[in-house]
Amino acid sequence: MTNSSIVASLHLRIGSIEEQTDQTLRTVEFVLIAAGSGLQNGIAATVYIANIDL
C-alpha cells in the first residue's frame, strides 16, 4: 500500500463495527508508516469499547 492510497483511505466513516475496525487499522498503519515502521512490527493492542450497544 502506498502512502497516497493510505491517505486517500483515511476519510472518517461511520458504519458497522467491521467498517470502524477497518478504518482504525488503516489509521494505525498510516501512523506507523509515517514513523518509518509498519504493521509487521506491531506487538499488541488493547481496544476499549465505550458503548457496547453500537
C-alpha atoms as a PDB file:
ATOM      1  CA  MET A   1       0.000   0.000   0.000  1.00  0.00           C
ATOM      2  CA  THR A   2       1.448   3.371  -0.981  1.00  0.00           C
ATOM      3  CA  ASN A   3       1.298   6.497   1.174  1.00  0.00           C
ATOM      4  CA  SER A   4      -1.084   8.172  -1.282  1.00  0.00           C
ATOM      5  CA  SER A   5      -3.507   5.233  -1.181  1.00  0.00           C
ATOM      6  CA  ILE A   6      -3.370   5.238   2.622  1.00  0.00           C
ATOM      7  CA  VAL A   7      -4.095   8.973   2.794  1.00  0.00           C
ATOM      8  CA  ALA A   8      -6.961   8.556   0.327  1.00  0.00           C
ATOM      9  CA  SER A   9      -8.497   5.886   2.565  1.00  0.00           C
ATOM     10  CA  LEU A  10      -8.379   7.943   5.767  1.00  0.00           C
ATOM     11  CA  HIS A  11     -11.707   9.713   5.328  1.00  0.00           C
ATOM     12  CA  LEU A  12     -13.709   9.445   8.547  1.00  0.00           C
ATOM     13  CA  ARG A  13     -16.514   6.929   8.160  1.00  0.00           C
ATOM     14  CA  ILE A  14     -19.313   5.951  10.495  1.00  0.00           C
ATOM     15  CA  GLY A  15     -20.641   2.471   9.922  1.00  0.00           C
ATOM     16  CA  SER A  16     -20.662  -1.061  11.211  1.00  0.00           C
ATOM     17  CA  ILE A  17     -18.107  -2.336  13.709  1.00  0.00           C
ATOM     18  CA  GLU A  18     -16.331  -4.036  10.811  1.00  0.00           C
ATOM     19  CA  GLU A  19     -16.053  -0.751   8.899  1.00  0.00           C
ATOM     20  CA  GLN A  20     -14.894   1.113  12.010  1.00  0.00           C
ATOM     21  CA  THR A  21     -12.290  -1.583  12.741  1.00  0.00           C
ATOM     22  CA  ASP A  22     -11.010  -1.402   9.163  1.00  0.00           C
ATOM     23  CA  GLN A  23     -10.777   2.393   9.422  1.00  0.00           C
ATOM     24  CA  THR A  24      -8.911   2.184  12.737  1.00  0.00           C
ATOM     25  CA  LEU A  25      -6.369  -0.313  11.401  1.00  0.00           C
ATOM     26  CA  ARG A  26      -5.789   1.821   8.294  1.00  0.00           C
ATOM     27  CA  THR A  27      -5.171   4.845  10.520  1.00  0.00           C
ATOM     28  CA  VAL A  28      -2.753   2.907  12.733  1.00  0.00           C
ATOM     29  CA  GLU A  29      -0.949   1.643   9.639  1.00  0.00           C
ATOM     30  CA  PHE A  30      -0.674   5.204   8.282  1.00  0.00           C
ATOM     31  CA  VAL A  31       0.838   6.468  11.553  1.00  0.00           C
ATOM     32  CA  LEU A  32       3.298   3.567  11.690  1.00  0.00           C
ATOM     33  CA  ILE A  33       4.408   4.081   8.084  1.00  0.00           C
ATOM     34  CA  ALA A  34       4.830   7.813   8.712  1.00  0.00           C
ATOM     35  CA  ALA A  35       7.098   6.900  11.643  1.00  0.00           C
ATOM     36  CA  GLY A  36       9.174   4.560   9.454  1.00  0.00           C
ATOM     37  CA  SER A  37       7.619   1.354  10.753  1.00  0.00           C
ATOM     38  CA  GLY A  38       4.640  -0.796   9.790  1.00  0.00           C
ATOM     39  CA  LEU A  39       2.012  -3.253  10.987  1.00  0.00           C
ATOM     40  CA  GLN A  40       4.538  -6.096  10.730  1.00  0.00           C
ATOM     41  CA  ASN A  41       6.377  -4.568  13.709  1.00  0.00           C
ATOM     42  CA  GLY A  42       3.345  -4.388  15.994  1.00  0.00           C
ATOM     43  CA  ILE A  43       3.299  -6.417  19.183  1.00  0.00           C
ATOM     44  CA  ALA A  44      -0.078  -5.932  20.874  1.00  0.00           C
ATOM     45  CA  ALA A  45      -3.039  -3.593  21.085  1.00  0.00           C
ATOM     46  CA  THR A  46      -5.795  -3.156  23.638  1.00  0.00           C
ATOM     47  CA  VAL A  47      -9.174  -1.893  22.482  1.00  0.00           C
ATOM     48  CA  TYR A  48     -11.654  -0.292  24.857  1.00  0.00           C
ATOM     49  CA  ILE A  49     -15.250  -0.057  23.641  1.00  0.00           C
ATOM     50  CA  ALA A  50     -17.122   2.909  25.099  1.00  0.00           C
ATOM     51  CA  ASN A  51     -20.593   1.728  24.069  1.00  0.00           C
ATOM     52  CA  ILE A  52     -21.041  -1.999  23.532  1.00  0.00           C
ATOM     53  CA  ASP A  53     -24.556  -1.401  22.162  1.00  0.00           C
ATOM     54  CA  LEU A  54     -23.194   0.125  18.948  1.00  0.00           C
END
